[in-house]
């Protein structure tokens, strides 16, 4: 199952880079540019980022992976989470959106060390 999740995550990541190639250029992509995207595109980016974090943590920190999964997906709360994450990215517009997402995951699920 882990290999299926890993391949699925890698596929989603690759597709994201095809549609949003600038997203891989951390030094140029910030919350300011993210805010210019449609809400649907923002939601897709957030969901992909959270899912990829979960996939990575499933291989390195299973407890955090479960926390991320429960926090984001439990009770179909991803719409609420996306709104909260969008607000945090907006408040930290000079940072890369993925860094903000990771900071929120650390806040919700604890240290990743």
N, C-alpha and C. Protein backbone atom coordinates (compact mmCIF):
# COMPACT_ATOMS: atom_id res chain seq x y z
N UNK A 1 0.81 -1.19 0.00
CA UNK A 1 0.00 0.00 0.00
C UNK A 1 0.85 1.26 0.00
N UNK A 2 1.95 1.25 0.74
CA UNK A 2 2.80 2.43 0.78
C UNK A 2 3.36 2.78 -0.59
N UNK A 3 3.71 1.75 -1.38
CA UNK A 3 4.25 2.04 -2.70
C UNK A 3 3.17 2.62 -3.60
N UNK A 4 1.94 2.18 -3.46
CA UNK A 4 0.84 2.75 -4.24
C UNK A 4 0.64 4.20 -3.84
N UNK A 5 0.64 4.48 -2.55
CA UNK A 5 0.48 5.86 -2.07
C UNK A 5 1.63 6.72 -2.57
N UNK A 6 2.83 6.20 -2.54
CA UNK A 6 4.00 6.95 -3.00
C UNK A 6 3.90 7.28 -4.49
N UNK A 7 3.55 6.27 -5.29
CA UNK A 7 3.40 6.50 -6.72
C UNK A 7 2.27 7.47 -7.02
N UNK A 8 1.17 7.34 -6.29
CA UNK A 8 0.04 8.25 -6.49
C UNK A 8 0.46 9.67 -6.15
N UNK A 9 1.15 9.81 -5.03
CA UNK A 9 1.61 11.14 -4.61
C UNK A 9 2.58 11.73 -5.61
N UNK A 10 3.50 10.92 -6.10
CA UNK A 10 4.48 11.40 -7.08
C UNK A 10 3.78 11.81 -8.37
N UNK A 11 2.77 11.06 -8.76
CA UNK A 11 2.02 11.38 -9.97
C UNK A 11 1.30 12.72 -9.82
N UNK A 12 0.65 12.91 -8.67
CA UNK A 12 -0.05 14.17 -8.42
C UNK A 12 0.94 15.33 -8.43
N UNK A 13 2.09 15.13 -7.80
CA UNK A 13 3.11 16.17 -7.77
C UNK A 13 3.57 16.52 -9.18
N UNK A 14 3.82 15.51 -10.00
CA UNK A 14 4.28 15.73 -11.37
C UNK A 14 3.22 16.47 -12.19
N UNK A 15 1.96 16.08 -12.02
CA UNK A 15 0.88 16.75 -12.73
C UNK A 15 0.79 18.21 -12.29
N UNK A 16 0.96 18.44 -10.99
CA UNK A 16 0.93 19.81 -10.48
C UNK A 16 2.04 20.65 -11.12
N UNK A 17 3.23 20.07 -11.27
CA UNK A 17 4.33 20.82 -11.88
C UNK A 17 4.06 21.12 -13.35
N UNK A 18 3.32 20.24 -14.03
CA UNK A 18 2.99 20.49 -15.43
C UNK A 18 2.04 21.68 -15.55
N UNK A 19 1.03 21.72 -14.69
CA UNK A 19 0.04 22.79 -14.76
C UNK A 19 0.51 24.07 -14.08
N UNK A 20 1.36 23.95 -13.08
CA UNK A 20 1.87 25.11 -12.35
C UNK A 20 3.39 25.00 -12.25
N UNK A 21 4.10 25.09 -13.38
CA UNK A 21 5.55 24.87 -13.35
C UNK A 21 6.29 25.87 -12.48
N UNK A 22 5.78 27.07 -12.35
CA UNK A 22 6.45 28.07 -11.51
C UNK A 22 6.36 27.72 -10.03
N UNK A 23 5.47 26.81 -9.66
CA UNK A 23 5.33 26.43 -8.26
C UNK A 23 6.59 25.76 -7.73
N UNK A 24 7.37 25.18 -8.61
CA UNK A 24 8.60 24.54 -8.20
C UNK A 24 9.76 25.51 -8.00
N UNK A 25 9.56 26.75 -8.38
CA UNK A 25 10.61 27.76 -8.26
C UNK A 25 10.39 28.57 -7.00
N UNK A 26 10.86 28.03 -5.89
CA UNK A 26 10.60 28.61 -4.58
C UNK A 26 11.05 30.06 -4.47
N UNK A 27 12.15 30.40 -5.09
CA UNK A 27 12.66 31.75 -4.93
C UNK A 27 11.79 32.81 -5.60
N UNK A 28 10.91 32.40 -6.48
CA UNK A 28 10.05 33.36 -7.16
C UNK A 28 8.57 33.23 -6.81
N UNK A 29 8.18 32.16 -6.19
CA UNK A 29 6.78 31.91 -5.92
C UNK A 29 6.47 32.21 -4.46
N UNK A 30 5.56 33.13 -4.23
CA UNK A 30 5.19 33.52 -2.88
C UNK A 30 3.67 33.50 -2.73
N UNK A 31 3.23 33.76 -1.52
CA UNK A 31 1.80 33.85 -1.26
C UNK A 31 1.12 34.93 -2.08
N UNK A 32 1.87 35.96 -2.44
CA UNK A 32 1.30 37.03 -3.26
C UNK A 32 0.87 36.49 -4.62
N UNK A 33 1.73 35.71 -5.26
CA UNK A 33 1.36 35.10 -6.54
C UNK A 33 0.26 34.07 -6.36
N UNK A 34 0.34 33.31 -5.29
CA UNK A 34 -0.68 32.31 -4.98
C UNK A 34 -2.06 32.96 -4.89
N UNK A 35 -2.13 34.14 -4.29
CA UNK A 35 -3.40 34.85 -4.11
C UNK A 35 -4.04 35.25 -5.44
N UNK A 36 -3.24 35.30 -6.50
CA UNK A 36 -3.77 35.68 -7.81
C UNK A 36 -4.47 34.51 -8.51
N UNK A 37 -4.25 33.30 -8.02
CA UNK A 37 -4.89 32.13 -8.61
C UNK A 37 -6.37 32.09 -8.25
N UNK A 38 -7.13 31.34 -9.02
CA UNK A 38 -8.54 31.11 -8.68
C UNK A 38 -8.61 30.29 -7.39
N UNK A 39 -9.73 30.38 -6.71
CA UNK A 39 -9.90 29.60 -5.48
C UNK A 39 -9.81 28.10 -5.75
N UNK A 40 -10.32 27.66 -6.88
CA UNK A 40 -10.24 26.25 -7.24
C UNK A 40 -8.78 25.80 -7.38
N UNK A 41 -7.97 26.62 -8.04
CA UNK A 41 -6.55 26.29 -8.19
C UNK A 41 -5.83 26.32 -6.85
N UNK A 42 -6.18 27.28 -6.01
CA UNK A 42 -5.59 27.35 -4.67
C UNK A 42 -5.94 26.09 -3.88
N UNK A 43 -7.21 25.70 -3.93
CA UNK A 43 -7.64 24.49 -3.21
C UNK A 43 -6.88 23.26 -3.70
N UNK A 44 -6.69 23.17 -5.01
CA UNK A 44 -5.97 22.04 -5.58
C UNK A 44 -4.52 22.02 -5.09
N UNK A 45 -3.89 23.18 -5.08
CA UNK A 45 -2.51 23.27 -4.60
C UNK A 45 -2.41 22.88 -3.13
N UNK A 46 -3.33 23.38 -2.33
CA UNK A 46 -3.33 23.07 -0.89
C UNK A 46 -3.53 21.58 -0.68
N UNK A 47 -4.55 21.01 -1.33
CA UNK A 47 -4.83 19.58 -1.15
C UNK A 47 -3.63 18.74 -1.60
N UNK A 48 -3.03 19.09 -2.73
CA UNK A 48 -1.87 18.35 -3.21
C UNK A 48 -0.72 18.46 -2.22
N UNK A 49 -0.49 19.65 -1.69
CA UNK A 49 0.60 19.85 -0.73
C UNK A 49 0.38 19.07 0.55
N UNK A 50 -0.83 19.11 1.08
CA UNK A 50 -1.13 18.37 2.31
C UNK A 50 -1.03 16.87 2.07
N UNK A 51 -1.55 16.42 0.94
CA UNK A 51 -1.49 14.99 0.60
C UNK A 51 -0.04 14.54 0.46
N UNK A 52 0.78 15.33 -0.23
CA UNK A 52 2.19 14.97 -0.40
C UNK A 52 2.90 14.94 0.95
N UNK A 53 2.59 15.90 1.82
CA UNK A 53 3.20 15.88 3.16
C UNK A 53 2.81 14.59 3.87
N UNK A 54 1.55 14.21 3.76
CA UNK A 54 1.10 12.97 4.38
C UNK A 54 1.81 11.75 3.82
N UNK A 55 2.02 11.72 2.51
CA UNK A 55 2.72 10.60 1.88
C UNK A 55 4.16 10.53 2.37
N UNK A 56 4.82 11.67 2.41
CA UNK A 56 6.21 11.70 2.88
C UNK A 56 6.29 11.28 4.34
N UNK A 57 5.41 11.83 5.16
CA UNK A 57 5.41 11.47 6.58
C UNK A 57 5.05 10.01 6.80
N UNK A 58 4.25 9.43 5.92
CA UNK A 58 3.91 8.01 6.08
C UNK A 58 5.15 7.13 5.98
N UNK A 59 6.16 7.62 5.28
CA UNK A 59 7.41 6.87 5.13
C UNK A 59 8.42 7.21 6.24
N UNK A 60 8.29 8.39 6.84
CA UNK A 60 9.29 8.84 7.80
C UNK A 60 8.77 9.03 9.22
N UNK A 61 7.53 9.47 9.34
CA UNK A 61 6.92 9.76 10.65
C UNK A 61 5.44 9.36 10.62
N UNK A 62 5.14 8.06 10.73
CA UNK A 62 3.75 7.59 10.60
C UNK A 62 2.76 8.27 11.55
N UNK A 63 3.19 8.61 12.74
CA UNK A 63 2.28 9.27 13.68
C UNK A 63 1.86 10.63 13.15
N UNK A 64 2.80 11.37 12.58
CA UNK A 64 2.46 12.68 12.01
C UNK A 64 1.59 12.50 10.77
N UNK A 65 1.86 11.46 9.99
CA UNK A 65 1.04 11.20 8.80
C UNK A 65 -0.42 10.98 9.19
N UNK A 66 -0.65 10.20 10.24
CA UNK A 66 -2.03 9.98 10.72
C UNK A 66 -2.65 11.29 11.19
N UNK A 67 -1.87 12.09 11.90
CA UNK A 67 -2.37 13.38 12.37
C UNK A 67 -2.76 14.28 11.20
N UNK A 68 -1.89 14.37 10.20
CA UNK A 68 -2.17 15.20 9.02
C UNK A 68 -3.45 14.72 8.35
N UNK A 69 -3.56 13.42 8.16
CA UNK A 69 -4.75 12.85 7.53
C UNK A 69 -6.01 13.16 8.34
N UNK A 70 -5.94 12.94 9.65
CA UNK A 70 -7.10 13.21 10.51
C UNK A 70 -7.44 14.70 10.52
N UNK A 71 -6.42 15.53 10.64
CA UNK A 71 -6.65 16.98 10.72
C UNK A 71 -7.28 17.52 9.44
N UNK A 72 -6.76 17.11 8.28
CA UNK A 72 -7.23 17.69 7.02
C UNK A 72 -8.51 17.06 6.49
N UNK A 73 -8.62 15.74 6.61
CA UNK A 73 -9.72 15.04 5.96
C UNK A 73 -10.87 14.63 6.88
N UNK A 74 -10.64 14.57 8.18
CA UNK A 74 -11.67 14.10 9.10
C UNK A 74 -12.93 14.96 8.98
N UNK A 75 -14.07 14.29 8.98
CA UNK A 75 -15.37 14.97 8.93
C UNK A 75 -15.51 15.88 7.71
N UNK A 76 -14.86 15.51 6.60
CA UNK A 76 -14.93 16.31 5.38
C UNK A 76 -14.64 17.78 5.64
N UNK A 77 -13.62 18.05 6.44
CA UNK A 77 -13.31 19.42 6.84
C UNK A 77 -12.30 20.10 5.93
N UNK A 78 -11.96 19.50 4.80
CA UNK A 78 -10.93 20.09 3.95
C UNK A 78 -11.33 21.47 3.43
N UNK A 79 -12.61 21.73 3.17
CA UNK A 79 -13.03 23.06 2.72
C UNK A 79 -12.73 24.11 3.79
N UNK A 80 -13.03 23.77 5.04
CA UNK A 80 -12.73 24.69 6.15
C UNK A 80 -11.23 24.85 6.29
N UNK A 81 -10.50 23.76 6.20
CA UNK A 81 -9.04 23.83 6.31
C UNK A 81 -8.45 24.68 5.18
N UNK A 82 -8.95 24.50 3.96
CA UNK A 82 -8.45 25.29 2.84
C UNK A 82 -8.64 26.78 3.09
N UNK A 83 -9.77 27.15 3.61
CA UNK A 83 -10.03 28.56 3.91
C UNK A 83 -9.04 29.09 4.95
N UNK A 84 -8.81 28.30 5.99
CA UNK A 84 -7.85 28.68 7.04
C UNK A 84 -6.44 28.80 6.46
N UNK A 85 -6.07 27.85 5.62
CA UNK A 85 -4.74 27.85 5.01
C UNK A 85 -4.59 29.03 4.06
N UNK A 86 -5.61 29.31 3.26
CA UNK A 86 -5.58 30.46 2.36
C UNK A 86 -5.35 31.75 3.15
N UNK A 87 -6.04 31.89 4.27
CA UNK A 87 -5.87 33.08 5.11
C UNK A 87 -4.44 33.19 5.63
N UNK A 88 -3.89 32.07 6.08
CA UNK A 88 -2.52 32.07 6.60
C UNK A 88 -1.51 32.41 5.51
N UNK A 89 -1.74 31.91 4.31
CA UNK A 89 -0.84 32.23 3.19
C UNK A 89 -0.94 33.71 2.87
N UNK A 90 -2.14 34.24 2.89
CA UNK A 90 -2.34 35.67 2.64
C UNK A 90 -1.64 36.53 3.70
N UNK A 91 -1.72 36.11 4.95
CA UNK A 91 -1.08 36.86 6.04
C UNK A 91 0.44 36.77 5.98
N UNK A 92 0.96 35.78 5.29
CA UNK A 92 2.41 35.56 5.16
C UNK A 92 2.79 35.56 3.68
N UNK A 93 2.33 36.57 2.97
CA UNK A 93 2.41 36.61 1.51
C UNK A 93 3.83 36.66 0.95
N UNK A 94 4.82 36.95 1.76
CA UNK A 94 6.19 37.00 1.25
C UNK A 94 6.87 35.63 1.29
N UNK A 95 6.19 34.65 1.88
CA UNK A 95 6.74 33.30 1.99
C UNK A 95 6.15 32.39 0.93
N UNK A 96 6.86 31.31 0.64
CA UNK A 96 6.36 30.28 -0.27
C UNK A 96 5.14 29.63 0.39
N UNK A 97 4.05 29.43 -0.35
CA UNK A 97 2.85 28.80 0.23
C UNK A 97 3.12 27.44 0.89
N UNK A 98 4.02 26.67 0.33
CA UNK A 98 4.33 25.36 0.92
C UNK A 98 4.96 25.50 2.30
N UNK A 99 5.74 26.55 2.50
CA UNK A 99 6.34 26.78 3.81
C UNK A 99 5.26 27.11 4.83
N UNK A 100 4.27 27.88 4.41
CA UNK A 100 3.16 28.22 5.31
C UNK A 100 2.36 26.96 5.64
N UNK A 101 2.10 26.14 4.63
CA UNK A 101 1.36 24.90 4.85
C UNK A 101 2.11 24.00 5.82
N UNK A 102 3.42 23.87 5.63
CA UNK A 102 4.21 23.05 6.55
C UNK A 102 4.17 23.62 7.97
N UNK A 103 4.24 24.93 8.11
CA UNK A 103 4.17 25.54 9.43
C UNK A 103 2.83 25.23 10.11
N UNK A 104 1.76 25.23 9.34
CA UNK A 104 0.44 24.90 9.89
C UNK A 104 0.41 23.43 10.31
N UNK A 105 0.98 22.56 9.50
CA UNK A 105 1.03 21.14 9.85
C UNK A 105 1.80 20.94 11.15
N UNK A 106 2.93 21.62 11.29
CA UNK A 106 3.72 21.52 12.52
C UNK A 106 2.91 22.03 13.71
N UNK A 107 2.19 23.12 13.52
CA UNK A 107 1.35 23.67 14.59
C UNK A 107 0.27 22.67 14.99
N UNK A 108 -0.33 22.02 14.02
CA UNK A 108 -1.44 21.08 14.30
C UNK A 108 -0.97 19.71 14.80
N UNK A 109 0.18 19.26 14.29
CA UNK A 109 0.59 17.87 14.53
C UNK A 109 1.90 17.73 15.30
N UNK A 110 2.54 18.82 15.61
CA UNK A 110 3.78 18.74 16.37
C UNK A 110 5.02 18.75 15.52
N UNK A 111 6.14 18.79 16.19
CA UNK A 111 7.44 18.88 15.55
C UNK A 111 7.68 17.71 14.59
N UNK A 112 8.34 18.01 13.50
CA UNK A 112 8.65 16.97 12.51
C UNK A 112 10.07 16.46 12.69
N UNK A 113 10.74 16.90 13.73
CA UNK A 113 12.13 16.46 14.00
C UNK A 113 12.14 15.05 14.51
